[in-house]
N, C-alpha and C. Protein backbone atom coordinates (compact mmCIF):
# COMPACT_ATOMS: atom_id res chain seq x y z
N UNK A 1 -33.69 115.63 -91.43
CA UNK A 1 -34.14 114.43 -90.78
C UNK A 1 -35.14 113.74 -91.72
N UNK A 2 -34.94 112.45 -91.91
CA UNK A 2 -35.85 111.62 -92.70
C UNK A 2 -36.42 110.57 -91.76
N UNK A 3 -37.73 110.40 -91.80
CA UNK A 3 -38.39 109.43 -90.93
C UNK A 3 -38.96 108.30 -91.78
N UNK A 4 -38.66 107.07 -91.35
CA UNK A 4 -39.24 105.88 -91.95
C UNK A 4 -40.18 105.30 -90.91
N UNK A 5 -41.44 105.10 -91.30
CA UNK A 5 -42.41 104.59 -90.34
C UNK A 5 -43.50 103.80 -91.04
N UNK A 6 -44.05 102.86 -90.32
CA UNK A 6 -45.22 102.14 -90.83
C UNK A 6 -46.50 102.85 -90.40
N UNK A 7 -46.38 103.87 -89.57
CA UNK A 7 -47.53 104.65 -89.11
C UNK A 7 -47.79 105.79 -90.07
N UNK A 8 -49.02 105.92 -90.52
CA UNK A 8 -49.37 106.97 -91.48
C UNK A 8 -50.47 107.89 -90.97
N UNK A 9 -50.63 107.96 -89.67
CA UNK A 9 -51.62 108.84 -89.09
C UNK A 9 -51.30 110.28 -89.49
N UNK A 10 -52.25 110.99 -90.11
CA UNK A 10 -51.99 112.36 -90.59
C UNK A 10 -51.47 113.30 -89.51
N UNK A 11 -51.98 113.18 -88.28
CA UNK A 11 -51.51 114.05 -87.20
C UNK A 11 -50.06 113.76 -86.84
N UNK A 12 -49.69 112.49 -86.84
CA UNK A 12 -48.31 112.10 -86.55
C UNK A 12 -47.37 112.59 -87.65
N UNK A 13 -47.79 112.42 -88.90
CA UNK A 13 -46.99 112.87 -90.03
C UNK A 13 -46.80 114.39 -89.97
N UNK A 14 -47.88 115.11 -89.74
CA UNK A 14 -47.83 116.57 -89.65
C UNK A 14 -46.89 117.00 -88.53
N UNK A 15 -46.97 116.33 -87.39
CA UNK A 15 -46.10 116.65 -86.26
C UNK A 15 -44.63 116.44 -86.61
N UNK A 16 -44.35 115.39 -87.34
CA UNK A 16 -42.97 115.12 -87.75
C UNK A 16 -42.43 116.22 -88.65
N UNK A 17 -43.24 116.66 -89.62
CA UNK A 17 -42.82 117.75 -90.49
C UNK A 17 -42.63 119.05 -89.71
N UNK A 18 -43.55 119.33 -88.80
CA UNK A 18 -43.44 120.55 -88.00
C UNK A 18 -42.22 120.52 -87.08
N UNK A 19 -41.78 119.32 -86.71
CA UNK A 19 -40.59 119.16 -85.87
C UNK A 19 -39.30 119.24 -86.68
N UNK A 20 -39.41 119.36 -88.02
CA UNK A 20 -38.22 119.53 -88.83
C UNK A 20 -37.89 118.42 -89.80
N UNK A 21 -38.74 117.42 -89.89
CA UNK A 21 -38.48 116.34 -90.84
C UNK A 21 -38.52 116.87 -92.27
N UNK A 22 -37.59 116.44 -93.09
CA UNK A 22 -37.59 116.79 -94.51
C UNK A 22 -38.48 115.84 -95.29
N UNK A 23 -38.50 114.58 -94.87
CA UNK A 23 -39.34 113.56 -95.51
C UNK A 23 -39.89 112.62 -94.46
N UNK A 24 -41.10 112.17 -94.67
CA UNK A 24 -41.73 111.13 -93.86
C UNK A 24 -42.07 110.02 -94.84
N UNK A 25 -41.30 108.95 -94.78
CA UNK A 25 -41.42 107.88 -95.76
C UNK A 25 -42.08 106.64 -95.17
N UNK A 26 -42.87 106.00 -96.02
CA UNK A 26 -43.46 104.71 -95.64
C UNK A 26 -42.36 103.68 -95.56
N UNK A 27 -42.35 102.92 -94.49
CA UNK A 27 -41.37 101.86 -94.34
C UNK A 27 -41.66 100.79 -95.39
N UNK A 28 -40.61 100.33 -96.10
CA UNK A 28 -40.84 99.28 -97.10
C UNK A 28 -41.43 98.02 -96.46
N UNK A 29 -42.26 97.35 -97.23
CA UNK A 29 -42.90 96.13 -96.73
C UNK A 29 -42.10 94.88 -97.09
N UNK A 30 -41.39 94.93 -98.19
CA UNK A 30 -40.61 93.78 -98.65
C UNK A 30 -39.12 94.08 -98.55
N UNK A 31 -38.35 93.08 -98.26
CA UNK A 31 -36.90 93.23 -98.11
C UNK A 31 -36.26 93.85 -99.34
N UNK A 32 -36.73 93.47 -100.53
CA UNK A 32 -36.15 93.99 -101.77
C UNK A 32 -36.32 95.50 -101.89
N UNK A 33 -37.37 96.03 -101.29
CA UNK A 33 -37.65 97.47 -101.37
C UNK A 33 -36.63 98.29 -100.61
N UNK A 34 -35.86 97.67 -99.73
CA UNK A 34 -34.82 98.41 -99.02
C UNK A 34 -33.68 98.81 -99.96
N UNK A 35 -33.61 98.17 -101.13
CA UNK A 35 -32.65 98.62 -102.14
C UNK A 35 -32.96 100.05 -102.55
N UNK A 36 -34.25 100.38 -102.65
CA UNK A 36 -34.64 101.75 -102.99
C UNK A 36 -34.24 102.72 -101.88
N UNK A 37 -34.33 102.28 -100.63
CA UNK A 37 -33.92 103.12 -99.51
C UNK A 37 -32.43 103.41 -99.61
N UNK A 38 -31.64 102.38 -99.90
CA UNK A 38 -30.20 102.57 -100.05
C UNK A 38 -29.89 103.51 -101.22
N UNK A 39 -30.61 103.35 -102.31
CA UNK A 39 -30.42 104.21 -103.48
C UNK A 39 -30.76 105.66 -103.14
N UNK A 40 -31.85 105.85 -102.42
CA UNK A 40 -32.25 107.20 -102.01
C UNK A 40 -31.17 107.83 -101.13
N UNK A 41 -30.65 107.07 -100.20
CA UNK A 41 -29.61 107.59 -99.31
C UNK A 41 -28.34 107.92 -100.08
N UNK A 42 -27.98 107.09 -101.04
CA UNK A 42 -26.75 107.28 -101.79
C UNK A 42 -26.84 108.40 -102.81
N UNK A 43 -27.98 108.53 -103.47
CA UNK A 43 -28.08 109.49 -104.57
C UNK A 43 -28.90 110.73 -104.25
N UNK A 44 -29.71 110.66 -103.21
CA UNK A 44 -30.64 111.76 -102.96
C UNK A 44 -30.36 112.59 -101.73
N UNK A 45 -29.30 112.30 -101.01
CA UNK A 45 -29.05 113.00 -99.74
C UNK A 45 -28.98 114.51 -99.93
N UNK A 46 -28.24 114.97 -100.91
CA UNK A 46 -28.09 116.41 -101.12
C UNK A 46 -29.43 117.05 -101.50
N UNK A 47 -30.16 116.40 -102.38
CA UNK A 47 -31.47 116.92 -102.80
C UNK A 47 -32.43 116.99 -101.61
N UNK A 48 -32.38 116.01 -100.74
CA UNK A 48 -33.25 116.00 -99.56
C UNK A 48 -32.87 117.15 -98.63
N UNK A 49 -31.57 117.37 -98.43
CA UNK A 49 -31.12 118.46 -97.56
C UNK A 49 -31.62 119.82 -98.06
N UNK A 50 -31.71 119.97 -99.37
CA UNK A 50 -32.09 121.25 -99.96
C UNK A 50 -33.60 121.50 -100.00
N UNK A 51 -34.39 120.49 -99.69
CA UNK A 51 -35.84 120.66 -99.74
C UNK A 51 -36.33 121.64 -98.69
N UNK A 52 -37.09 122.64 -99.12
CA UNK A 52 -37.72 123.50 -98.10
C UNK A 52 -38.90 122.76 -97.51
N UNK A 53 -39.15 122.98 -96.26
CA UNK A 53 -40.24 122.27 -95.59
C UNK A 53 -41.59 122.51 -96.27
N UNK A 54 -41.80 123.67 -96.82
CA UNK A 54 -43.10 123.98 -97.43
C UNK A 54 -43.33 123.22 -98.74
N UNK A 55 -42.28 122.63 -99.32
CA UNK A 55 -42.41 121.92 -100.58
C UNK A 55 -42.84 120.47 -100.39
N UNK A 56 -42.88 120.00 -99.18
CA UNK A 56 -43.17 118.60 -98.89
C UNK A 56 -44.64 118.45 -98.55
N UNK A 57 -45.33 117.49 -99.20
CA UNK A 57 -46.73 117.25 -98.83
C UNK A 57 -46.81 116.69 -97.41
N UNK A 58 -47.84 117.05 -96.71
CA UNK A 58 -47.99 116.54 -95.35
C UNK A 58 -48.64 115.16 -95.40
N UNK A 59 -47.87 114.21 -95.87
CA UNK A 59 -48.33 112.83 -95.93
C UNK A 59 -47.14 111.92 -96.04
N UNK A 60 -47.33 110.65 -95.71
CA UNK A 60 -46.26 109.68 -95.84
C UNK A 60 -46.04 109.38 -97.32
N UNK A 61 -44.80 109.38 -97.73
CA UNK A 61 -44.45 109.17 -99.13
C UNK A 61 -43.83 107.80 -99.33
N UNK A 62 -44.00 107.28 -100.51
CA UNK A 62 -43.37 106.04 -100.93
C UNK A 62 -41.94 106.35 -101.39
N UNK A 63 -40.97 105.51 -101.04
CA UNK A 63 -39.57 105.74 -101.40
C UNK A 63 -39.41 105.85 -102.91
N UNK A 64 -40.08 105.00 -103.68
CA UNK A 64 -39.99 105.07 -105.14
C UNK A 64 -40.48 106.42 -105.66
N UNK A 65 -41.52 106.95 -105.06
CA UNK A 65 -42.05 108.26 -105.48
C UNK A 65 -41.01 109.35 -105.24
N UNK A 66 -40.34 109.30 -104.10
CA UNK A 66 -39.33 110.31 -103.80
C UNK A 66 -38.16 110.19 -104.77
N UNK A 67 -37.74 108.97 -105.09
CA UNK A 67 -36.66 108.79 -106.07
C UNK A 67 -37.05 109.40 -107.41
N UNK A 68 -38.29 109.19 -107.85
CA UNK A 68 -38.76 109.79 -109.11
C UNK A 68 -38.77 111.31 -109.03
N UNK A 69 -39.22 111.86 -107.91
CA UNK A 69 -39.26 113.31 -107.74
C UNK A 69 -37.85 113.89 -107.83
N UNK A 70 -36.89 113.25 -107.18
CA UNK A 70 -35.51 113.74 -107.19
C UNK A 70 -34.92 113.63 -108.59
N UNK A 71 -35.15 112.52 -109.26
CA UNK A 71 -34.62 112.34 -110.61
C UNK A 71 -35.24 113.33 -111.59
N UNK A 72 -36.54 113.60 -111.47
CA UNK A 72 -37.20 114.58 -112.33
C UNK A 72 -36.63 115.97 -112.13
N UNK A 73 -36.34 116.34 -110.88
CA UNK A 73 -35.76 117.66 -110.60
C UNK A 73 -34.36 117.77 -111.23
N UNK A 74 -33.59 116.72 -111.16
CA UNK A 74 -32.24 116.76 -111.73
C UNK A 74 -32.29 116.92 -113.24
N UNK A 75 -33.26 116.26 -113.90
CA UNK A 75 -33.35 116.34 -115.35
C UNK A 75 -33.85 117.71 -115.82
N UNK A 76 -34.56 118.40 -114.93
CA UNK A 76 -35.09 119.71 -115.31
C UNK A 76 -34.07 120.83 -115.12
N UNK A 77 -32.96 120.54 -114.46
CA UNK A 77 -31.93 121.57 -114.23
C UNK A 77 -31.14 121.86 -115.49
């Protein structure tokens, strides 16, 4: 489960992860930034599925940051 939200309350984010979320992402502010969301869905779905819950920081992440994390992991394989 991936959550997109404009809410970044630490307790809410923590609750989402404890409920099984793999990622809690900040909702993009600009329409163009949804291209990154589409890219993440298209190229990162498998990597997101494989993430252990303990590897995810308990905070809202930026979509671009997650794309970089996924790409860095692929290059290190």
